[in-house]
Full PDB file with SEQRES, HELIX, SHEET, SSBOND, CRYST1, ORIGX, SCALE, CONECT and MASTER records, all heavy atoms in Angstrom:
SEQRES   1 A   34  TRP ARG ARG ARG THR GLU GLN PRO VAL ASP HIS MET ARG          
SEQRES   2 A   34  MET GLU LEU VAL PHE LEU GLY ILE PRO ASP PHE THR MET          
SEQRES   3 A   34  ILE PRO GLY ILE SER TYR ASN GLY                              
SHEET    1 AA1 2 MET A  26  ILE A  27  0                                        
SHEET    2 AA1 2 SER A  31  TYR A  32 -1                                        
CRYST1    1.000    1.000    1.000  90.00  90.00  90.00 P 1           1          
ORIGX1      1.000000  0.000000  0.000000        0.00000                         
ORIGX2      0.000000  1.000000  0.000000        0.00000                         
ORIGX3      0.000000  0.000000  1.000000        0.00000                         
SCALE1      1.000000  0.000000  0.000000        0.00000                         
SCALE2      0.000000  1.000000  0.000000        0.00000                         
SCALE3      0.000000  0.000000  1.000000        0.00000                         
ATOM      1  N   TRP A   1      94.479  95.188  79.109  1.00  0.00           N  
ATOM      2  CA  TRP A   1      95.100  95.508  80.401  1.00  0.00           C  
ATOM      3  C   TRP A   1      94.213  94.910  81.492  1.00  0.00           C  
ATOM      4  O   TRP A   1      93.074  95.310  81.666  1.00  0.00           O  
ATOM      5  CB  TRP A   1      95.214  97.020  80.536  1.00  0.00           C  
ATOM      6  CG  TRP A   1      95.738  97.523  81.854  1.00  0.00           C  
ATOM      7  CD1 TRP A   1      96.238  96.804  82.888  1.00  0.00           C  
ATOM      8  CD2 TRP A   1      95.810  98.907  82.254  1.00  0.00           C  
ATOM      9  NE1 TRP A   1      96.621  97.628  83.910  1.00  0.00           N  
ATOM     10  CE2 TRP A   1      96.371  98.929  83.553  1.00  0.00           C  
ATOM     11  CE3 TRP A   1      95.460 100.113  81.649  1.00  0.00           C  
ATOM     12  CZ2 TRP A   1      96.573 100.119  84.247  1.00  0.00           C  
ATOM     13  CZ3 TRP A   1      95.665 101.294  82.333  1.00  0.00           C  
ATOM     14  CH2 TRP A   1      96.220 101.292  83.617  1.00  0.00           C  
ATOM     15  N   ARG A   2      94.769  93.948  82.222  1.00  0.00           N  
ATOM     16  CA  ARG A   2      94.033  93.283  83.283  1.00  0.00           C  
ATOM     17  C   ARG A   2      94.676  93.639  84.622  1.00  0.00           C  
ATOM     18  O   ARG A   2      95.868  93.400  84.833  1.00  0.00           O  
ATOM     19  CB  ARG A   2      94.070  91.759  83.073  1.00  0.00           C  
ATOM     20  CG  ARG A   2      93.043  90.988  83.875  1.00  0.00           C  
ATOM     21  CD  ARG A   2      93.220  89.487  83.648  1.00  0.00           C  
ATOM     22  NE  ARG A   2      93.201  89.122  82.247  1.00  0.00           N  
ATOM     23  CZ  ARG A   2      92.108  88.843  81.559  1.00  0.00           C  
ATOM     24  NH1 ARG A   2      90.922  88.887  82.170  1.00  0.00           N  
ATOM     25  NH2 ARG A   2      92.182  88.511  80.277  1.00  0.00           N  
ATOM     26  N   ARG A   3      93.890  94.202  85.519  1.00  0.00           N  
ATOM     27  CA  ARG A   3      94.397  94.577  86.843  1.00  0.00           C  
ATOM     28  C   ARG A   3      93.718  93.709  87.906  1.00  0.00           C  
ATOM     29  O   ARG A   3      92.495  93.631  87.964  1.00  0.00           O  
ATOM     30  CB  ARG A   3      94.141  96.051  87.127  1.00  0.00           C  
ATOM     31  CG  ARG A   3      94.461  96.477  88.561  1.00  0.00           C  
ATOM     32  CD  ARG A   3      94.510  97.992  88.700  1.00  0.00           C  
ATOM     33  NE  ARG A   3      95.735  98.535  88.125  1.00  0.00           N  
ATOM     34  CZ  ARG A   3      95.987  99.843  88.007  1.00  0.00           C  
ATOM     35  NH1 ARG A   3      95.087 100.733  88.398  1.00  0.00           N  
ATOM     36  NH2 ARG A   3      97.128 100.255  87.495  1.00  0.00           N  
ATOM     37  N   ARG A   4      94.549  93.090  88.743  1.00  0.00           N  
ATOM     38  CA  ARG A   4      94.045  92.227  89.815  1.00  0.00           C  
ATOM     39  C   ARG A   4      94.511  92.773  91.155  1.00  0.00           C  
ATOM     40  O   ARG A   4      95.681  93.117  91.319  1.00  0.00           O  
ATOM     41  CB  ARG A   4      94.539  90.799  89.628  1.00  0.00           C  
ATOM     42  CG  ARG A   4      93.941  90.110  88.400  1.00  0.00           C  
ATOM     43  CD  ARG A   4      94.500  88.732  88.204  1.00  0.00           C  
ATOM     44  NE  ARG A   4      93.888  88.048  87.064  1.00  0.00           N  
ATOM     45  CZ  ARG A   4      94.501  87.162  86.316  1.00  0.00           C  
ATOM     46  NH1 ARG A   4      95.770  86.823  86.571  1.00  0.00           N  
ATOM     47  NH2 ARG A   4      93.873  86.574  85.305  1.00  0.00           N  
ATOM     48  N   THR A   5      93.589  92.844  92.094  1.00  0.00           N  
ATOM     49  CA  THR A   5      93.905  93.354  93.431  1.00  0.00           C  
ATOM     50  C   THR A   5      94.008  92.203  94.430  1.00  0.00           C  
ATOM     51  O   THR A   5      93.417  91.132  94.227  1.00  0.00           O  
ATOM     52  CB  THR A   5      92.831  94.344  93.897  1.00  0.00           C  
ATOM     53  OG1 THR A   5      91.563  93.671  93.972  1.00  0.00           O  
ATOM     54  CG2 THR A   5      92.724  95.525  92.944  1.00  0.00           C  
ATOM     55  N   GLU A   6      94.744  92.426  95.512  1.00  0.00           N  
ATOM     56  CA  GLU A   6      94.904  91.379  96.524  1.00  0.00           C  
ATOM     57  C   GLU A   6      93.587  91.104  97.239  1.00  0.00           C  
ATOM     58  O   GLU A   6      93.274  89.958  97.570  1.00  0.00           O  
ATOM     59  CB  GLU A   6      95.977  91.794  97.530  1.00  0.00           C  
ATOM     60  CG  GLU A   6      97.381  91.864  96.948  1.00  0.00           C  
ATOM     61  CD  GLU A   6      98.416  92.229  97.990  1.00  0.00           C  
ATOM     62  OE1 GLU A   6      98.032  92.347  99.186  1.00  0.00           O  
ATOM     63  OE2 GLU A   6      99.595  92.413  97.633  1.00  0.00           O  
ATOM     64  N   GLN A   7      92.806  92.158  97.473  1.00  0.00           N  
ATOM     65  CA  GLN A   7      91.526  92.018  98.152  1.00  0.00           C  
ATOM     66  C   GLN A   7      90.436  92.682  97.303  1.00  0.00           C  
ATOM     67  O   GLN A   7      90.714  93.606  96.526  1.00  0.00           O  
ATOM     68  CB  GLN A   7      91.566  92.685  99.542  1.00  0.00           C  
ATOM     69  CG  GLN A   7      92.611  92.117 100.481  1.00  0.00           C  
ATOM     70  CD  GLN A   7      92.329  90.676 100.874  1.00  0.00           C  
ATOM     71  OE1 GLN A   7      91.164  90.262 100.958  1.00  0.00           O  
ATOM     72  NE2 GLN A   7      93.376  89.908 101.113  1.00  0.00           N  
ATOM     73  N   PRO A   8      89.194  92.226  97.416  1.00  0.00           N  
ATOM     74  CA  PRO A   8      88.110  92.885  96.680  1.00  0.00           C  
ATOM     75  C   PRO A   8      88.002  94.358  97.059  1.00  0.00           C  
ATOM     76  O   PRO A   8      88.116  94.721  98.228  1.00  0.00           O  
ATOM     77  CB  PRO A   8      86.862  92.099  97.108  1.00  0.00           C  
ATOM     78  CG  PRO A   8      87.382  90.773  97.567  1.00  0.00           C  
ATOM     79  CD  PRO A   8      88.721  91.053  98.186  1.00  0.00           C  
ATOM     80  N   VAL A   9      87.779  95.208  96.050  1.00  0.00           N  
ATOM     81  CA  VAL A   9      87.640  96.642  96.276  1.00  0.00           C  
ATOM     82  C   VAL A   9      86.378  97.124  95.569  1.00  0.00           C  
ATOM     83  O   VAL A   9      85.921  96.527  94.590  1.00  0.00           O  
ATOM     84  CB  VAL A   9      88.862  97.428  95.768  1.00  0.00           C  
ATOM     85  CG1 VAL A   9      90.109  97.048  96.559  1.00  0.00           C  
ATOM     86  CG2 VAL A   9      89.095  97.185  94.276  1.00  0.00           C  
ATOM     87  N   ASP A  10      85.811  98.219  96.068  1.00  0.00           N  
ATOM     88  CA  ASP A  10      84.580  98.735  95.471  1.00  0.00           C  
ATOM     89  C   ASP A  10      84.810 100.012  94.661  1.00  0.00           C  
ATOM     90  O   ASP A  10      83.869 100.723  94.323  1.00  0.00           O  
ATOM     91  CB  ASP A  10      83.517  98.971  96.534  1.00  0.00           C  
ATOM     92  CG  ASP A  10      83.949  99.979  97.594  1.00  0.00           C  
ATOM     93  OD1 ASP A  10      85.034 100.582  97.430  1.00  0.00           O  
ATOM     94  OD2 ASP A  10      83.204 100.176  98.564  1.00  0.00           O  
ATOM     95  N   HIS A  11      86.061 100.311  94.341  1.00  0.00           N  
ATOM     96  CA  HIS A  11      86.375 101.394  93.421  1.00  0.00           C  
ATOM     97  C   HIS A  11      87.771 101.155  92.851  1.00  0.00           C  
ATOM     98  O   HIS A  11      88.613 100.497  93.481  1.00  0.00           O  
ATOM     99  CB  HIS A  11      86.309 102.764  94.108  1.00  0.00           C  
ATOM    100  CG  HIS A  11      87.361 102.948  95.170  1.00  0.00           C  
ATOM    101  ND1 HIS A  11      87.212 102.453  96.446  1.00  0.00           N  
ATOM    102  CD2 HIS A  11      88.580 103.556  95.130  1.00  0.00           C  
ATOM    103  CE1 HIS A  11      88.293 102.753  97.160  1.00  0.00           C  
ATOM    104  NE2 HIS A  11      89.135 103.426  96.379  1.00  0.00           N  
ATOM    105  N   MET A  12      88.021 101.704  91.656  1.00  0.00           N  
ATOM    106  CA  MET A  12      89.320 101.538  91.012  1.00  0.00           C  
ATOM    107  C   MET A  12      89.461 102.596  89.932  1.00  0.00           C  
ATOM    108  O   MET A  12      88.485 102.986  89.280  1.00  0.00           O  
ATOM    109  CB  MET A  12      89.435 100.144  90.396  1.00  0.00           C  
ATOM    110  CG  MET A  12      90.734  99.905  89.628  1.00  0.00           C  
ATOM    111  SD  MET A  12      92.238 100.179  90.618  1.00  0.00           S  
ATOM    112  CE  MET A  12      92.085  98.865  91.838  1.00  0.00           C  
ATOM    113  N   ARG A  13      90.695 103.056  89.745  1.00  0.00           N  
ATOM    114  CA  ARG A  13      91.048 103.932  88.632  1.00  0.00           C  
ATOM    115  C   ARG A  13      92.203 103.293  87.875  1.00  0.00           C  
ATOM    116  O   ARG A  13      93.259 103.027  88.465  1.00  0.00           O  
ATOM    117  CB  ARG A  13      91.449 105.327  89.120  1.00  0.00           C  
ATOM    118  CG  ARG A  13      90.306 106.135  89.709  1.00  0.00           C  
ATOM    119  CD  ARG A  13      90.805 107.467  90.260  1.00  0.00           C  
ATOM    120  NE  ARG A  13      91.317 108.345  89.212  1.00  0.00           N  
ATOM    121  CZ  ARG A  13      90.594 109.311  88.630  1.00  0.00           C  
ATOM    122  NH1 ARG A  13      89.330 109.507  88.995  1.00  0.00           N  
ATOM    123  NH2 ARG A  13      91.123 110.078  87.694  1.00  0.00           N  
ATOM    124  N   MET A  14      92.013 103.028  86.605  1.00  0.00           N  
ATOM    125  CA  MET A  14      93.091 102.535  85.735  1.00  0.00           C  
ATOM    126  C   MET A  14      93.537 103.725  84.899  1.00  0.00           C  
ATOM    127  O   MET A  14      92.778 104.246  84.079  1.00  0.00           O  
ATOM    128  CB  MET A  14      92.587 101.372  84.882  1.00  0.00           C  
ATOM    129  CG  MET A  14      92.114 100.194  85.718  1.00  0.00           C  
ATOM    130  SD  MET A  14      91.423  98.820  84.767  1.00  0.00           S  
ATOM    131  CE  MET A  14      92.916  98.099  84.069  1.00  0.00           C  
ATOM    132  N   GLU A  15      94.792 104.159  85.127  1.00  0.00           N  
ATOM    133  CA  GLU A  15      95.246 105.433  84.574  1.00  0.00           C  
ATOM    134  C   GLU A  15      96.545 105.280  83.805  1.00  0.00           C  
ATOM    135  O   GLU A  15      97.413 104.477  84.162  1.00  0.00           O  
ATOM    136  CB  GLU A  15      95.465 106.445  85.705  1.00  0.00           C  
ATOM    137  CG  GLU A  15      94.226 106.720  86.554  1.00  0.00           C  
ATOM    138  CD  GLU A  15      94.530 107.580  87.761  1.00  0.00           C  
ATOM    139  OE1 GLU A  15      95.608 107.370  88.362  1.00  0.00           O  
ATOM    140  OE2 GLU A  15      93.706 108.440  88.102  1.00  0.00           O  
ATOM    141  N   LEU A  16      96.648 106.064  82.755  1.00  0.00           N  
ATOM    142  CA  LEU A  16      97.931 106.249  82.079  1.00  0.00           C  
ATOM    143  C   LEU A  16      98.065 107.719  81.719  1.00  0.00           C  
ATOM    144  O   LEU A  16      97.067 108.431  81.571  1.00  0.00           O  
ATOM    145  CB  LEU A  16      98.062 105.340  80.851  1.00  0.00           C  
ATOM    146  CG  LEU A  16      97.109 105.485  79.672  1.00  0.00           C  
ATOM    147  CD1 LEU A  16      97.461 106.653  78.751  1.00  0.00           C  
ATOM    148  CD2 LEU A  16      97.103 104.194  78.850  1.00  0.00           C  
ATOM    149  N   VAL A  17      99.290 108.164  81.572  1.00  0.00           N  
ATOM    150  CA  VAL A  17      99.562 109.562  81.230  1.00  0.00           C  
ATOM    151  C   VAL A  17     100.174 109.619  79.848  1.00  0.00           C  
ATOM    152  O   VAL A  17     101.230 109.011  79.589  1.00  0.00           O  
ATOM    153  CB  VAL A  17     100.515 110.226  82.246  1.00  0.00           C  
ATOM    154  CG1 VAL A  17     100.821 111.662  81.811  1.00  0.00           C  
ATOM    155  CG2 VAL A  17      99.907 110.222  83.633  1.00  0.00           C  
ATOM    156  N   PHE A  18      99.505 110.302  78.941  1.00  0.00           N  
ATOM    157  CA  PHE A  18     100.057 110.592  77.624  1.00  0.00           C  
ATOM    158  C   PHE A  18     101.160 111.619  77.815  1.00  0.00           C  
ATOM    159  O   PHE A  18     100.923 112.709  78.350  1.00  0.00           O  
ATOM    160  CB  PHE A  18      98.960 111.134  76.712  1.00  0.00           C  
ATOM    161  CG  PHE A  18      99.410 111.481  75.322  1.00  0.00           C  
ATOM    162  CD1 PHE A  18      99.473 110.510  74.337  1.00  0.00           C  
ATOM    163  CD2 PHE A  18      99.768 112.785  75.008  1.00  0.00           C  
ATOM    164  CE1 PHE A  18      99.874 110.835  73.047  1.00  0.00           C  
ATOM    165  CE2 PHE A  18     100.183 113.119  73.724  1.00  0.00           C  
ATOM    166  CZ  PHE A  18     100.238 112.133  72.739  1.00  0.00           C  
ATOM    167  N   LEU A  19     102.378 111.282  77.412  1.00  0.00           N  
ATOM    168  CA  LEU A  19     103.537 112.118  77.705  1.00  0.00           C  
ATOM    169  C   LEU A  19     103.665 113.254  76.699  1.00  0.00           C  
ATOM    170  O   LEU A  19     103.671 113.040  75.487  1.00  0.00           O  
ATOM    171  CB  LEU A  19     104.806 111.264  77.701  1.00  0.00           C  
ATOM    172  CG  LEU A  19     104.812 110.102  78.704  1.00  0.00           C  
ATOM    173  CD1 LEU A  19     106.067 109.257  78.538  1.00  0.00           C  
ATOM    174  CD2 LEU A  19     104.686 110.613  80.138  1.00  0.00           C  
ATOM    175  N   GLY A  20     103.754 114.457  77.197  1.00  0.00           N  
ATOM    176  CA  GLY A  20     103.887 115.619  76.335  1.00  0.00           C  
ATOM    177  C   GLY A  20     102.552 116.296  76.094  1.00  0.00           C  
ATOM    178  O   GLY A  20     101.518 115.917  76.636  1.00  0.00           O  
ATOM    179  N   ILE A  21     102.590 117.311  75.241  1.00  0.00           N  
ATOM    180  CA  ILE A  21     101.391 118.104  74.951  1.00  0.00           C  
ATOM    181  C   ILE A  21     100.719 117.542  73.709  1.00  0.00           C  
ATOM    182  O   ILE A  21     101.330 117.488  72.636  1.00  0.00           O  
ATOM    183  CB  ILE A  21     101.760 119.579  74.740  1.00  0.00           C  
ATOM    184  CG1 ILE A  21     102.420 120.144  75.999  1.00  0.00           C  
ATOM    185  CG2 ILE A  21     100.526 120.397  74.380  1.00  0.00           C  
ATOM    186  CD1 ILE A  21     102.940 121.554  75.844  1.00  0.00           C  
ATOM    187  N   PRO A  22      99.463 117.121  73.804  1.00  0.00           N  
ATOM    188  CA  PRO A  22      98.779 116.605  72.616  1.00  0.00           C  
ATOM    189  C   PRO A  22      98.349 117.731  71.681  1.00  0.00           C  
ATOM    190  O   PRO A  22      98.064 118.856  72.115  1.00  0.00           O  
ATOM    191  CB  PRO A  22      97.559 115.879  73.193  1.00  0.00           C  
ATOM    192  CG  PRO A  22      97.295 116.569  74.491  1.00  0.00           C  
ATOM    193  CD  PRO A  22      98.642 117.007  75.019  1.00  0.00           C  
ATOM    194  N   ASP A  23      98.292 117.420  70.387  1.00  0.00           N  
ATOM    195  CA  ASP A  23      97.763 118.365  69.407  1.00  0.00           C  
ATOM    196  C   ASP A  23      96.245 118.287  69.327  1.00  0.00           C  
ATOM    197  O   ASP A  23      95.589 119.242  68.902  1.00  0.00           O  
ATOM    198  CB  ASP A  23      98.334 118.063  68.012  1.00  0.00           C  
ATOM    199  CG  ASP A  23      99.842 118.182  67.965  1.00  0.00           C  
ATOM    200  OD1 ASP A  23     100.374 119.093  68.619  1.00  0.00           O  
ATOM    201  OD2 ASP A  23     100.482 117.361  67.289  1.00  0.00           O  
ATOM    202  N   PHE A  24      95.704 117.137  69.727  1.00  0.00           N  
ATOM    203  CA  PHE A  24      94.266 116.920  69.627  1.00  0.00           C  
ATOM    204  C   PHE A  24      93.863 115.883  70.669  1.00  0.00           C  
ATOM    205  O   PHE A  24      94.564 114.895  70.878  1.00  0.00           O  
ATOM    206  CB  PHE A  24      93.893 116.430  68.228  1.00  0.00           C  
ATOM    207  CG  PHE A  24      92.435 116.079  68.074  1.00  0.00           C  
ATOM    208  CD1 PHE A  24      91.474 117.067  67.939  1.00  0.00           C  
ATOM    209  CD2 PHE A  24      92.022 114.749  68.058  1.00  0.00           C  
ATOM    210  CE1 PHE A  24      90.126 116.740  67.802  1.00  0.00           C  
ATOM    211  CE2 PHE A  24      90.685 114.417  67.913  1.00  0.00           C  
ATOM    212  CZ  PHE A  24      89.731 115.414  67.790  1.00  0.00           C  
ATOM    213  N   THR A  25      92.728 116.134  71.340  1.00  0.00           N  
ATOM    214  CA  THR A  25      92.193 115.165  72.294  1.00  0.00           C  
ATOM    215  C   THR A  25      90.721 114.920  71.978  1.00  0.00           C  
ATOM    216  O   THR A  25      90.057 115.762  71.359  1.00  0.00           O  
ATOM    217  CB  THR A  25      92.311 115.660  73.743  1.00  0.00           C  
ATOM    218  OG1 THR A  25      91.529 116.857  73.902  1.00  0.00           O  
ATOM    219  CG2 THR A  25      93.758 115.922  74.117  1.00  0.00           C  
ATOM    220  N   MET A  26      90.242 113.771  72.430  1.00  0.00           N  
ATOM    221  CA  MET A  26      88.859 113.418  72.122  1.00  0.00           C  
ATOM    222  C   MET A  26      88.317 112.452  73.167  1.00  0.00           C  
ATOM    223  O   MET A  26      89.021 111.552  73.624  1.00  0.00           O  
ATOM    224  CB  MET A  26      88.786 112.762  70.731  1.00  0.00           C  
ATOM    225  CG  MET A  26      87.406 112.276  70.326  1.00  0.00           C  
ATOM    226  SD  MET A  26      87.377 111.541  68.662  1.00  0.00           S  
ATOM    227  CE  MET A  26      88.282 110.004  68.964  1.00  0.00           C  
ATOM    228  N   ILE A  27      87.060 112.676  73.548  1.00  0.00           N  
ATOM    229  CA  ILE A  27      86.250 111.680  74.241  1.00  0.00           C  
ATOM    230  C   ILE A  27      85.064 111.464  73.316  1.00  0.00           C  
ATOM    231  O   ILE A  27      84.188 112.325  73.225  1.00  0.00           O  
ATOM    232  CB  ILE A  27      85.806 112.149  75.635  1.00  0.00           C  
ATOM    233  CG1 ILE A  27      87.016 112.541  76.476  1.00  0.00           C  
ATOM    234  CG2 ILE A  27      85.008 111.062  76.340  1.00  0.00           C  
ATOM    235  CD1 ILE A  27      86.658 113.143  77.828  1.00  0.00           C  
ATOM    236  N   PRO A  28      85.029 110.360  72.580  1.00  0.00           N  
ATOM    237  CA  PRO A  28      84.061 110.219  71.480  1.00  0.00           C  
ATOM    238  C   PRO A  28      82.623 110.471  71.911  1.00  0.00           C  
ATOM    239  O   PRO A  28      82.132 109.887  72.871  1.00  0.00           O  
ATOM    240  CB  PRO A  28      84.259 108.771  71.029  1.00  0.00           C  
ATOM    241  CG  PRO A  28      85.658 108.431  71.427  1.00  0.00           C  
ATOM    242  CD  PRO A  28      85.894 109.175  72.708  1.00  0.00           C  
ATOM    243  N   GLY A  29      81.968 111.361  71.203  1.00  0.00           N  
ATOM    244  CA  GLY A  29      80.585 111.705  71.491  1.00  0.00           C  
ATOM    245  C   GLY A  29      80.420 112.754  72.574  1.00  0.00           C  
ATOM    246  O   GLY A  29      79.293 113.174  72.855  1.00  0.00           O  
ATOM    247  N   ILE A  30      81.518 113.209  73.195  1.00  0.00           N  
ATOM    248  CA  ILE A  30      81.428 114.147  74.319  1.00  0.00           C  
ATOM    249  C   ILE A  30      82.297 115.383  74.105  1.00  0.00           C  
ATOM    250  O   ILE A  30      81.822 116.512  74.189  1.00  0.00           O  
ATOM    251  CB  ILE A  30      81.826 113.465  75.643  1.00  0.00           C  
ATOM    252  CG1 ILE A  30      80.882 112.307  75.952  1.00  0.00           C  
ATOM    253  CG2 ILE A  30      81.845 114.473  76.794  1.00  0.00           C  
ATOM    254  CD1 ILE A  30      81.285 111.500  77.163  1.00  0.00           C  
ATOM    255  N   SER A  31      83.575 115.187  73.848  1.00  0.00           N  
ATOM    256  CA  SER A  31      84.506 116.315  73.799  1.00  0.00           C  
ATOM    257  C   SER A  31      85.478 116.150  72.640  1.00  0.00           C  
ATOM    258  O   SER A  31      86.101 115.090  72.493  1.00  0.00           O  
ATOM    259  CB  SER A  31      85.294 116.422  75.110  1.00  0.00           C  
ATOM    260  OG  SER A  31      86.261 117.453  75.035  1.00  0.00           O  
ATOM    261  N   TYR A  32      85.616 117.203  71.843  1.00  0.00           N  
ATOM    262  CA  TYR A  32      86.555 117.211  70.734  1.00  0.00           C  
ATOM    263  C   TYR A  32      87.465 118.426  70.919  1.00  0.00           C  
ATOM    264  O   TYR A  32      87.055 119.562  70.681  1.00  0.00           O  
ATOM    265  CB  TYR A  32      85.803 117.248  69.399  1.00  0.00           C  
ATOM    266  CG  TYR A  32      84.974 116.005  69.211  1.00  0.00           C  
ATOM    267  CD1 TYR A  32      83.697 115.910  69.762  1.00  0.00           C  
ATOM    268  CD2 TYR A  32      85.488 114.895  68.558  1.00  0.00           C  
ATOM    269  CE1 TYR A  32      82.949 114.750  69.642  1.00  0.00           C  
ATOM    270  CE2 TYR A  32      84.753 113.728  68.433  1.00  0.00           C  
ATOM    271  CZ  TYR A  32      83.483 113.660  68.976  1.00  0.00           C  
ATOM    272  OH  TYR A  32      82.748 112.505  68.870  1.00  0.00           O  
ATOM    273  N   ASN A  33      88.659 118.142  71.418  1.00  0.00           N  
ATOM    274  CA  ASN A  33      89.628 119.195  71.710  1.00  0.00           C  
ATOM    275  C   ASN A  33      89.086 120.212  72.712  1.00  0.00           C  
ATOM    276  O   ASN A  33      89.439 121.383  72.673  1.00  0.00           O  
ATOM    277  CB  ASN A  33      90.090 119.891  70.434  1.00  0.00           C  
ATOM    278  CG  ASN A  33      91.601 119.909  70.312  1.00  0.00           C  
ATOM    279  OD1 ASN A  33      92.310 119.140  70.971  1.00  0.00           O  
ATOM    280  ND2 ASN A  33      92.115 120.774  69.467  1.00  0.00           N  
ATOM    281  N   GLY A  34      88.188 119.777  73.595  1.00  0.00           N  
ATOM    282  CA  GLY A  34      87.695 120.645  74.655  1.00  0.00           C  
ATOM    283  C   GLY A  34      86.443 121.425  74.349  1.00  0.00           C  
ATOM    284  O   GLY A  34      85.987 122.209  75.180  1.00  0.00           O  
TER     285      GLY A  34                                                      
MASTER        0    0    0    0    2    0    0    6  284    1    0    3          
END                                                                             
């Protein structure tokens, strides 16, 4: 996923929403289902 802006910016958030309720979530090495 490549995002290009019209002008240089000093912050950005690339976001997507997983639709529905997950059965399991993970941030590897940090959080396992909360």
